[in-house]
C-alpha atoms as a PDB file:
ATOM      1  CA  MET A   1     -11.254  26.968  14.226  1.00  0.00           C
ATOM      2  CA  SER A   2      -9.174  24.299  12.996  1.00  0.00           C
ATOM      3  CA  GLN A   3      -5.115  24.740  11.695  1.00  0.00           C
ATOM      4  CA  PRO A   4      -5.064  24.948   8.042  1.00  0.00           C
ATOM      5  CA  ALA A   5      -3.647  21.657   6.340  1.00  0.00           C
ATOM      6  CA  LYS A   6      -0.345  23.889   5.172  1.00  0.00           C
ATOM      7  CA  GLU A   7       0.703  24.785   8.422  1.00  0.00           C
ATOM      8  CA  LEU A   8      -0.327  21.461  10.572  1.00  0.00           C
ATOM      9  CA  TYR A   9       1.647  19.628   7.370  1.00  0.00           C
ATOM     10  CA  PRO A  10       3.999  21.861   5.532  1.00  0.00           C
ATOM     11  CA  LEU A  11       5.329  19.179   3.264  1.00  0.00           C
ATOM     12  CA  ALA A  12       2.494  16.328   3.576  1.00  0.00           C
ATOM     13  CA  GLY A  13       0.084  18.948   3.041  1.00  0.00           C
ATOM     14  CA  LYS A  14      -2.333  20.248   0.217  1.00  0.00           C
ATOM     15  CA  ARG A  15      -1.729  23.720  -0.599  1.00  0.00           C
ATOM     16  CA  LYS A  16      -2.883  26.123  -3.973  1.00  0.00           C
ATOM     17  CA  GLY A  17      -0.560  25.927  -6.584  1.00  0.00           C
ATOM     18  CA  LEU A  18       0.725  22.502  -5.981  1.00  0.00           C
ATOM     19  CA  LYS A  19       0.060  19.346  -7.870  1.00  0.00           C
ATOM     20  CA  ARG A  20      -0.852  16.085  -6.788  1.00  0.00           C
ATOM     21  CA  SER A  21       2.171  14.032  -6.252  1.00  0.00           C
ATOM     22  CA  THR A  22       3.304  10.659  -7.904  1.00  0.00           C
ATOM     23  CA  VAL A  23       5.230   8.348  -6.454  1.00  0.00           C
ATOM     24  CA  GLN A  24       7.652   6.376  -8.699  1.00  0.00           C
ATOM     25  CA  ILE A  25       8.015   2.298  -7.596  1.00  0.00           C
ATOM     26  CA  GLY A  26      10.416   0.203  -9.935  1.00  0.00           C
ATOM     27  CA  ARG A  27       8.883   0.932 -12.764  1.00  0.00           C
ATOM     28  CA  VAL A  28       5.112   2.108 -11.369  1.00  0.00           C
ATOM     29  CA  GLU A  29       4.053   5.632 -11.265  1.00  0.00           C
ATOM     30  CA  VAL A  30       1.377   5.752  -8.173  1.00  0.00           C
ATOM     31  CA  GLY A  31      -0.876   8.437  -8.542  1.00  0.00           C
ATOM     32  CA  LYS A  32      -1.416   8.849 -11.856  1.00  0.00           C
ATOM     33  CA  LYS A  33      -4.847   8.157 -13.808  1.00  0.00           C
ATOM     34  CA  SER A  34      -4.863   4.471 -13.961  1.00  0.00           C
ATOM     35  CA  PRO A  35      -5.236   2.360 -10.333  1.00  0.00           C
ATOM     36  CA  VAL A  36      -2.496   0.651  -8.975  1.00  0.00           C
ATOM     37  CA  THR A  37      -2.690  -3.106  -8.080  1.00  0.00           C
ATOM     38  CA  VAL A  38      -0.388  -4.116  -5.052  1.00  0.00           C
ATOM     39  CA  VAL A  39      -0.119  -8.040  -4.313  1.00  0.00           C
ATOM     40  CA  SER A  40       0.938  -9.247  -0.771  1.00  0.00           C
ATOM     41  CA  LEU A  41       1.877 -12.700  -0.823  1.00  0.00           C
ATOM     42  CA  GLU A  42       4.086 -14.499   1.873  1.00  0.00           C
ATOM     43  CA  ILE A  43       7.332 -15.489   0.613  1.00  0.00           C
ATOM     44  CA  VAL A  44       8.223 -19.849   0.847  1.00  0.00           C
ATOM     45  CA  GLU A  45      10.882 -21.179   0.204  1.00  0.00           C
ATOM     46  CA  ASP A  46      10.502 -23.227  -3.139  1.00  0.00           C
ATOM     47  CA  LYS A  47      12.263 -20.588  -5.391  1.00  0.00           C
ATOM     48  CA  GLU A  48      10.474 -21.899  -8.549  1.00  0.00           C
ATOM     49  CA  GLN A  49       7.124 -22.030  -7.233  1.00  0.00           C
ATOM     50  CA  LEU A  50       6.807 -18.595  -5.833  1.00  0.00           C
ATOM     51  CA  ILE A  51       8.414 -17.488  -9.392  1.00  0.00           C
ATOM     52  CA  ASN A  52       5.969 -18.933 -11.197  1.00  0.00           C
ATOM     53  CA  THR A  53       3.230 -17.291  -8.955  1.00  0.00           C
ATOM     54  CA  ALA A  54       4.751 -13.809  -9.423  1.00  0.00           C
ATOM     55  CA  ARG A  55       4.603 -14.557 -13.008  1.00  0.00           C
ATOM     56  CA  THR A  56       0.601 -15.508 -12.880  1.00  0.00           C
ATOM     57  CA  ILE A  57       0.201 -12.346 -10.393  1.00  0.00           C
ATOM     58  CA  LYS A  58       1.872 -10.072 -13.246  1.00  0.00           C
ATOM     59  CA  GLU A  59      -0.723 -11.790 -15.387  1.00  0.00           C
ATOM     60  CA  ALA A  60      -3.559 -10.600 -13.625  1.00  0.00           C
ATOM     61  CA  GLY A  61      -2.901  -7.323 -13.534  1.00  0.00           C
ATOM     62  CA  GLY A  62      -0.816  -7.310 -10.332  1.00  0.00           C
ATOM     63  CA  GLU A  63       2.025  -4.562 -10.877  1.00  0.00           C
ATOM     64  CA  ILE A  64       3.581  -4.485  -7.392  1.00  0.00           C
ATOM     65  CA  LEU A  65       4.804  -7.598  -4.797  1.00  0.00           C
ATOM     66  CA  ILE A  66       5.290  -6.573  -1.554  1.00  0.00           C
ATOM     67  CA  GLY A  67       6.942 -10.169  -0.167  1.00  0.00           C
ATOM     68  CA  GLY A  68       5.793 -11.175   3.636  1.00  0.00           C
ATOM     69  CA  VAL A  69       9.546 -11.804   5.094  1.00  0.00           C
ATOM     70  CA  ALA A  70       9.418 -10.337   8.398  1.00  0.00           C
ATOM     71  CA  LYS A  71       5.584  -8.940   9.174  1.00  0.00           C
ATOM     72  CA  SER A  72       4.686  -7.089  12.531  1.00  0.00           C
ATOM     73  CA  LEU A  73       2.823  -9.893  14.350  1.00  0.00           C
ATOM     74  CA  ASP A  74       1.559 -10.041  17.450  1.00  0.00           C
ATOM     75  CA  SER A  75       3.778 -12.431  18.881  1.00  0.00           C
ATOM     76  CA  PRO A  76       7.811 -12.347  19.040  1.00  0.00           C
ATOM     77  CA  TYR A  77       8.091 -16.003  18.429  1.00  0.00           C
ATOM     78  CA  THR A  78       5.941 -16.170  15.234  1.00  0.00           C
ATOM     79  CA  GLY A  79       6.864 -14.976  11.930  1.00  0.00           C
ATOM     80  CA  PRO A  80      10.337 -14.798   9.933  1.00  0.00           C
ATOM     81  CA  ASP A  81      12.885 -12.848  10.449  1.00  0.00           C
ATOM     82  CA  LEU A  82      14.100 -10.614   7.832  1.00  0.00           C
ATOM     83  CA  SER A  83      17.006 -12.358   5.696  1.00  0.00           C
ATOM     84  CA  LYS A  84      19.576 -11.371   2.549  1.00  0.00           C
ATOM     85  CA  GLN A  85      18.418 -14.711   1.216  1.00  0.00           C
ATOM     86  CA  SER A  86      14.893 -13.790   1.237  1.00  0.00           C
ATOM     87  CA  LEU A  87      15.854 -10.066  -0.071  1.00  0.00           C
ATOM     88  CA  GLU A  88      17.527 -12.056  -2.754  1.00  0.00           C
ATOM     89  CA  LEU A  89      14.541 -14.338  -3.769  1.00  0.00           C
ATOM     90  CA  LEU A  90      12.241 -11.115  -4.299  1.00  0.00           C
ATOM     91  CA  ALA A  91      15.400  -9.245  -6.620  1.00  0.00           C
ATOM     92  CA  GLN A  92      15.211 -12.516  -8.791  1.00  0.00           C
ATOM     93  CA  ILE A  93      11.188 -12.265  -9.048  1.00  0.00           C
ATOM     94  CA  ARG A  94      11.696  -8.811 -10.050  1.00  0.00           C
ATOM     95  CA  GLU A  95      14.397  -9.868 -12.733  1.00  0.00           C
ATOM     96  CA  ALA A  96      12.155 -12.675 -13.676  1.00  0.00           C
ATOM     97  CA  THR A  97       8.831 -10.718 -13.835  1.00  0.00           C
ATOM     98  CA  ASP A  98       9.055  -6.966 -13.810  1.00  0.00           C
ATOM     99  CA  LEU A  99       6.917  -7.031 -10.928  1.00  0.00           C
ATOM    100  CA  ALA A 100       8.103  -3.810  -8.487  1.00  0.00           C
ATOM    101  CA  VAL A 101       9.124  -5.317  -5.237  1.00  0.00           C
ATOM    102  CA  GLY A 102       8.632  -4.457  -1.920  1.00  0.00           C
ATOM    103  CA  ILE A 103       8.909  -6.115   1.953  1.00  0.00           C
ATOM    104  CA  GLU A 104       8.127  -4.286   5.262  1.00  0.00           C
ATOM    105  CA  VAL A 105      10.707  -3.232   7.607  1.00  0.00           C
ATOM    106  CA  MET A 106      10.517  -2.844  11.494  1.00  0.00           C
ATOM    107  CA  ASP A 107      13.907  -2.068  12.611  1.00  0.00           C
ATOM    108  CA  PRO A 108      15.921   0.905  11.536  1.00  0.00           C
ATOM    109  CA  ARG A 109      18.935  -1.054  11.303  1.00  0.00           C
ATOM    110  CA  HIS A 110      17.666  -3.340   8.304  1.00  0.00           C
ATOM    111  CA  ILE A 111      16.929  -0.245   5.959  1.00  0.00           C
ATOM    112  CA  HIS A 112      20.520  -0.266   4.110  1.00  0.00           C
ATOM    113  CA  LEU A 113      20.305  -3.989   3.856  1.00  0.00           C
ATOM    114  CA  ALA A 114      16.638  -3.896   2.510  1.00  0.00           C
ATOM    115  CA  VAL A 115      16.922  -0.707  -0.312  1.00  0.00           C
ATOM    116  CA  GLU A 116      19.553  -3.026  -1.865  1.00  0.00           C
ATOM    117  CA  TYR A 117      17.616  -5.112  -3.376  1.00  0.00           C
ATOM    118  CA  VAL A 118      13.634  -3.625  -3.520  1.00  0.00           C
ATOM    119  CA  ASP A 119      11.701  -0.856  -4.260  1.00  0.00           C
ATOM    120  CA  LEU A 120       9.052  -0.345  -1.839  1.00  0.00           C
ATOM    121  CA  ILE A 121       9.501  -0.348   2.078  1.00  0.00           C
ATOM    122  CA  GLU A 122       6.303  -0.886   4.131  1.00  0.00           C
ATOM    123  CA  VAL A 123       5.247   0.765   6.862  1.00  0.00           C
ATOM    124  CA  ALA A 124       2.779  -1.534   8.820  1.00  0.00           C
ATOM    125  CA  ALA A 125      -0.120  -0.238  10.994  1.00  0.00           C
ATOM    126  CA  PRO A 126       1.713  -0.841  14.378  1.00  0.00           C
ATOM    127  CA  ASN A 127       4.665   0.514  13.492  1.00  0.00           C
ATOM    128  CA  MET A 128       3.070   3.860  11.907  1.00  0.00           C
ATOM    129  CA  GLN A 129       4.793   6.073  14.759  1.00  0.00           C
ATOM    130  CA  ASN A 130       7.670   4.144  15.373  1.00  0.00           C
ATOM    131  CA  TYR A 131       9.298   7.537  14.605  1.00  0.00           C
ATOM    132  CA  PRO A 132      12.782   6.644  14.428  1.00  0.00           C
ATOM    133  CA  LEU A 133      11.722   4.071  11.764  1.00  0.00           C
ATOM    134  CA  LEU A 134      10.186   6.919   9.828  1.00  0.00           C
ATOM    135  CA  LYS A 135      12.928   9.425  10.577  1.00  0.00           C
ATOM    136  CA  ALA A 136      15.505   6.672   8.988  1.00  0.00           C
ATOM    137  CA  LEU A 137      13.102   5.732   6.086  1.00  0.00           C
ATOM    138  CA  GLY A 138      13.378   9.335   5.250  1.00  0.00           C
ATOM    139  CA  GLN A 139      16.948   9.608   4.659  1.00  0.00           C
ATOM    140  CA  ALA A 140      16.732   6.184   2.492  1.00  0.00           C
ATOM    141  CA  GLU A 141      16.369   6.065  -1.184  1.00  0.00           C
ATOM    142  CA  VAL A 142      13.435   4.072  -1.605  1.00  0.00           C
ATOM    143  CA  SER A 143       9.559   4.781  -1.894  1.00  0.00           C
ATOM    144  CA  VAL A 144       7.918   4.324   1.622  1.00  0.00           C
ATOM    145  CA  LEU A 145       4.480   2.897   1.870  1.00  0.00           C
ATOM    146  CA  LEU A 146       2.683   4.330   5.179  1.00  0.00           C
ATOM    147  CA  LYS A 147      -0.025   2.168   6.455  1.00  0.00           C
ATOM    148  CA  ARG A 148      -2.553   4.017   9.180  1.00  0.00           C
ATOM    149  CA  GLY A 149      -2.503   2.979  12.428  1.00  0.00           C
ATOM    150  CA  MET A 150      -5.258   0.801  14.017  1.00  0.00           C
ATOM    151  CA  SER A 151      -6.524   3.299  16.015  1.00  0.00           C
ATOM    152  CA  ALA A 152      -5.107   6.534  14.645  1.00  0.00           C
ATOM    153  CA  THR A 153      -6.544   9.491  13.867  1.00  0.00           C
ATOM    154  CA  ILE A 154      -5.949  10.992   9.922  1.00  0.00           C
ATOM    155  CA  LYS A 155      -4.270  14.029  11.799  1.00  0.00           C
ATOM    156  CA  GLU A 156      -1.488  11.094  13.680  1.00  0.00           C
ATOM    157  CA  TRP A 157      -1.185   9.287  10.043  1.00  0.00           C
ATOM    158  CA  LEU A 158      -0.548  12.715   8.040  1.00  0.00           C
ATOM    159  CA  LEU A 159       2.238  13.839  10.784  1.00  0.00           C
ATOM    160  CA  ALA A 160       3.813  10.181  10.439  1.00  0.00           C
ATOM    161  CA  ALA A 161       4.045  10.989   6.992  1.00  0.00           C
ATOM    162  CA  GLU A 162       5.535  14.319   7.663  1.00  0.00           C
ATOM    163  CA  TYR A 163       8.384  12.497   9.549  1.00  0.00           C
ATOM    164  CA  ILE A 164       9.477  10.876   6.645  1.00  0.00           C
ATOM    165  CA  LEU A 165       8.869  13.831   4.327  1.00  0.00           C
ATOM    166  CA  GLU A 166      10.710  16.405   6.720  1.00  0.00           C
ATOM    167  CA  ALA A 167      13.982  13.690   6.456  1.00  0.00           C
ATOM    168  CA  GLY A 168      14.348  14.142   2.993  1.00  0.00           C
ATOM    169  CA  ASN A 169      12.290  11.216   1.383  1.00  0.00           C
ATOM    170  CA  ARG A 170       9.280  12.462  -0.508  1.00  0.00           C
ATOM    171  CA  GLN A 171       7.957   9.191  -2.022  1.00  0.00           C
ATOM    172  CA  VAL A 172       5.557   8.350   0.399  1.00  0.00           C
ATOM    173  CA  VAL A 173       2.103   6.433  -0.682  1.00  0.00           C
ATOM    174  CA  LEU A 174      -0.483   6.436   2.068  1.00  0.00           C
ATOM    175  CA  CYS A 175      -2.932   3.403   2.966  1.00  0.00           C
ATOM    176  CA  GLU A 176      -5.455   3.154   4.534  1.00  0.00           C
ATOM    177  CA  ARG A 177      -5.965  -0.631   5.815  1.00  0.00           C
ATOM    178  CA  GLY A 178      -8.903   0.156   8.419  1.00  0.00           C
ATOM    179  CA  VAL A 179      -9.297   1.312  12.239  1.00  0.00           C
ATOM    180  CA  ARG A 180     -10.583  -0.793  15.551  1.00  0.00           C
ATOM    181  CA  SER A 181     -13.878  -1.487  15.553  1.00  0.00           C
ATOM    182  CA  PHE A 182     -16.086  -3.347  17.076  1.00  0.00           C
ATOM    183  CA  GLN A 183     -17.640  -5.467  14.350  1.00  0.00           C
ATOM    184  CA  GLU A 184     -18.013  -9.196  14.358  1.00  0.00           C
ATOM    185  CA  GLY A 185     -16.086 -11.276  12.807  1.00  0.00           C
ATOM    186  CA  SER A 186     -13.108  -8.782  11.894  1.00  0.00           C
ATOM    187  CA  GLU A 187     -11.113  -6.620  14.133  1.00  0.00           C
ATOM    188  CA  ASN A 188     -11.311  -3.555  11.938  1.00  0.00           C
ATOM    189  CA  ILE A 189     -13.246  -1.784   9.461  1.00  0.00           C
ATOM    190  CA  LEU A 190     -12.271   0.179   6.384  1.00  0.00           C
ATOM    191  CA  ASP A 191     -12.581   3.478   6.584  1.00  0.00           C
ATOM    192  CA  ILE A 192     -13.651   4.201   3.230  1.00  0.00           C
ATOM    193  CA  SER A 193     -14.373   8.610   3.799  1.00  0.00           C
ATOM    194  CA  ALA A 194     -10.622   8.513   5.110  1.00  0.00           C
ATOM    195  CA  VAL A 195      -9.794   8.635   1.134  1.00  0.00           C
ATOM    196  CA  PRO A 196     -11.414  11.840  -0.052  1.00  0.00           C
ATOM    197  CA  THR A 197     -10.664  13.301   3.785  1.00  0.00           C
ATOM    198  CA  VAL A 198      -7.117  12.705   2.586  1.00  0.00           C
ATOM    199  CA  LYS A 199      -7.266  13.507  -0.980  1.00  0.00           C
ATOM    200  CA  ASN A 200      -8.684  17.017   0.559  1.00  0.00           C
ATOM    201  CA  LEU A 201      -5.942  17.287   2.988  1.00  0.00           C
ATOM    202  CA  SER A 202      -2.995  16.279   1.269  1.00  0.00           C
ATOM    203  CA  HIS A 203      -1.231  15.966  -2.000  1.00  0.00           C
ATOM    204  CA  LEU A 204       0.133  12.235  -1.305  1.00  0.00           C
ATOM    205  CA  PRO A 205      -0.918   9.176  -3.066  1.00  0.00           C
ATOM    206  CA  ILE A 206      -3.469   6.900  -1.404  1.00  0.00           C
ATOM    207  CA  ILE A 207      -4.566   3.368  -1.787  1.00  0.00           C
ATOM    208  CA  VAL A 208      -6.570   1.063   0.049  1.00  0.00           C
ATOM    209  CA  GLU A 209      -6.201  -2.043   1.236  1.00  0.00           C
ATOM    210  CA  PRO A 210      -9.619  -4.105   1.984  1.00  0.00           C
ATOM    211  CA  SER A 211      -8.488  -7.596   3.348  1.00  0.00           C
ATOM    212  CA  ASP A 212      -7.528  -6.901   6.968  1.00  0.00           C
ATOM    213  CA  ALA A 213     -11.072  -5.223   7.299  1.00  0.00           C
ATOM    214  CA  VAL A 214     -13.386  -7.928   6.248  1.00  0.00           C
ATOM    215  CA  SER A 215     -14.615 -11.451   7.403  1.00  0.00           C
ATOM    216  CA  GLN A 216     -15.620 -12.734   3.902  1.00  0.00           C
ATOM    217  CA  GLN A 217     -13.098 -13.415   1.049  1.00  0.00           C
ATOM    218  CA  GLU A 218     -16.229 -12.173  -1.429  1.00  0.00           C
ATOM    219  CA  LEU A 219     -16.091  -8.459   0.299  1.00  0.00           C
ATOM    220  CA  ILE A 220     -12.703  -7.688  -0.848  1.00  0.00           C
ATOM    221  CA  THR A 221     -13.683  -6.693  -3.918  1.00  0.00           C
ATOM    222  CA  PRO A 222     -16.733  -4.712  -3.540  1.00  0.00           C
ATOM    223  CA  LEU A 223     -14.452  -2.353  -0.821  1.00  0.00           C
ATOM    224  CA  ALA A 224     -11.674  -2.254  -3.396  1.00  0.00           C
ATOM    225  CA  LYS A 225     -13.708  -0.602  -5.989  1.00  0.00           C
ATOM    226  CA  ALA A 226     -15.328   1.557  -3.552  1.00  0.00           C
ATOM    227  CA  GLY A 227     -12.198   2.686  -2.329  1.00  0.00           C
ATOM    228  CA  ILE A 228     -11.203   3.690  -5.956  1.00  0.00           C
ATOM    229  CA  VAL A 229     -14.781   5.364  -6.445  1.00  0.00           C
ATOM    230  CA  ALA A 230     -13.578   7.237  -3.253  1.00  0.00           C
ATOM    231  CA  GLY A 231     -10.801   8.491  -4.644  1.00  0.00           C
ATOM    232  CA  GLY A 232      -7.628   5.984  -4.428  1.00  0.00           C
ATOM    233  CA  ASP A 233      -5.407   5.586  -6.469  1.00  0.00           C
ATOM    234  CA  GLY A 234      -5.229   1.969  -6.565  1.00  0.00           C
ATOM    235  CA  VAL A 235      -5.644  -1.149  -3.991  1.00  0.00           C
ATOM    236  CA  LEU A 236      -3.278  -3.608  -2.189  1.00  0.00           C
ATOM    237  CA  VAL A 237      -4.666  -7.144  -1.335  1.00  0.00           C
ATOM    238  CA  ASN A 238      -3.814 -10.384  -0.106  1.00  0.00           C
ATOM    239  CA  LEU A 239      -3.256 -13.363  -2.538  1.00  0.00           C
ATOM    240  CA  ALA A 240      -3.822 -16.616  -1.306  1.00  0.00           C
ATOM    241  CA  GLY A 241      -0.763 -18.848  -1.235  1.00  0.00           C
ATOM    242  CA  PRO A 242       0.636 -21.863   0.064  1.00  0.00           C
ATOM    243  CA  ALA A 243       2.066 -20.218   2.875  1.00  0.00           C
ATOM    244  CA  SER A 244      -0.975 -18.395   4.119  1.00  0.00           C
ATOM    245  CA  SER A 245      -1.132 -17.783   7.566  1.00  0.00           C
ATOM    246  CA  THR A 246      -1.411 -14.314   8.680  1.00  0.00           C
ATOM    247  CA  GLY A 247      -5.459 -14.866   9.246  1.00  0.00           C
ATOM    248  CA  VAL A 248      -6.533 -12.313   7.022  1.00  0.00           C
ATOM    249  CA  GLU A 249      -8.865 -12.795   4.050  1.00  0.00           C
ATOM    250  CA  ALA A 250      -7.022 -13.694   0.632  1.00  0.00           C
ATOM    251  CA  LEU A 251      -7.684 -13.403  -3.049  1.00  0.00           C
ATOM    252  CA  SER A 252      -6.980 -15.867  -5.544  1.00  0.00           C
ATOM    253  CA  CYS A 253      -5.345 -15.472  -8.764  1.00  0.00           C
ATOM    254  CA  ALA A 254      -8.744 -15.500 -10.685  1.00  0.00           C
ATOM    255  CA  ASP A 255     -10.243 -12.945  -8.690  1.00  0.00           C
ATOM    256  CA  LEU A 256      -7.132 -10.759  -8.905  1.00  0.00           C
ATOM    257  CA  GLN A 257      -7.798 -10.855 -12.693  1.00  0.00           C
ATOM    258  CA  GLU A 258     -11.565  -9.941 -12.525  1.00  0.00           C
ATOM    259  CA  LEU A 259     -10.671  -7.238 -10.140  1.00  0.00           C
ATOM    260  CA  VAL A 260      -8.040  -5.549 -11.925  1.00  0.00           C
ATOM    261  CA  GLY A 261     -10.258  -5.461 -14.535  1.00  0.00           C
ATOM    262  CA  GLU A 262     -12.979  -3.971 -13.009  1.00  0.00           C
ATOM    263  CA  LEU A 263     -10.810  -1.178 -11.341  1.00  0.00           C
ATOM    264  CA  ASN A 264      -9.584  -0.452 -14.911  1.00  0.00           C
ATOM    265  CA  LEU A 265     -13.503  -0.297 -15.942  1.00  0.00           C
ATOM    266  CA  LEU A 266     -14.333   2.125 -13.346  1.00  0.00           C
ATOM    267  CA  THR A 267     -11.372   4.609 -14.218  1.00  0.00           C
ATOM    268  CA  GLU A 268     -12.646   4.342 -18.037  1.00  0.00           C
ATOM    269  CA  LEU A 269     -16.205   5.185 -16.561  1.00  0.00           C
ATOM    270  CA  PHE A 270     -14.582   8.398 -14.604  1.00  0.00           C
ATOM    271  CA  MET A 271     -12.392   9.718 -17.692  1.00  0.00           C
ATOM    272  CA  LYS A 272     -15.217   9.720 -19.913  1.00  0.00           C
ATOM    273  CA  ARG A 273     -17.484  11.275 -17.329  1.00  0.00           C
ATOM    274  CA  ARG A 274     -15.034  13.638 -16.501  1.00  0.00           C
ATOM    275  CA  GLU A 275     -14.564  14.453 -20.117  1.00  0.00           C
ATOM    276  CA  VAL A 276     -18.824  14.939 -20.796  1.00  0.00           C
ATOM    277  CA  LYS A 277     -18.042  17.267 -18.017  1.00  0.00           C
ATOM    278  CA  ASP A 278     -15.251  19.382 -19.461  1.00  0.00           C
ATOM    279  CA  VAL A 279     -17.407  19.595 -22.545  1.00  0.00           C
ATOM    280  CA  LEU A 280     -20.468  20.382 -21.075  1.00  0.00           C
ATOM    281  CA  SER A 281     -18.408  23.387 -18.915  1.00  0.00           C
END
């Protein structure tokens, strides 16, 4: 017999009488009725160009911007380091656009600096079980986006969240971004079933990130919509920009605007369906 969620995950687990959690990221609340749109964009040196792109993201319906300053990559020789200058640029973007901003952190020693400038810290898939990092984030006053490891079970993922919660930080959002597969053209496959499974086990909000799990840009929108239909609280997508070099599929600003419109329409349809069901019952 499997162990009940409330015992296995005392803090992350779903239990009777406990409402679903919402997480505040800047002025954005994740876990409410409307899906949240998070956009990942590589930071470039041209400040004016970046702020203009951020404004376009805001106009297209994006609500949270994660700046790709120091990302987990396969090689120690690729990717820029976290710098105060990059963090200051993110803070300026927030001031100019009213977007909530976030950044990936890999080293616990960088958390203190990052929280002075951003609303959200991302824990990428390779660091999901970086327990010193998770514990340090648990002691920080900042929202955390915890991505599922590429080979992690849902149990391992929720236990990783438990490390952050147990250390005192209750502002945790989960992100399903695909698990390792044998699919041609892509290393990962998006596990849509993880969304309702997590909803059944945990009170934490969950979003989906389809970009790492597809080999064609045209597949991002269908997978994003599938994640919302499955119960997701939002989506994270990569936006094409002048500095794109991660190798993942990305949307244009026009694609982003279309996606946000379709996600909002899906939400309205579900709300109307729920209202009709409540009347009939």
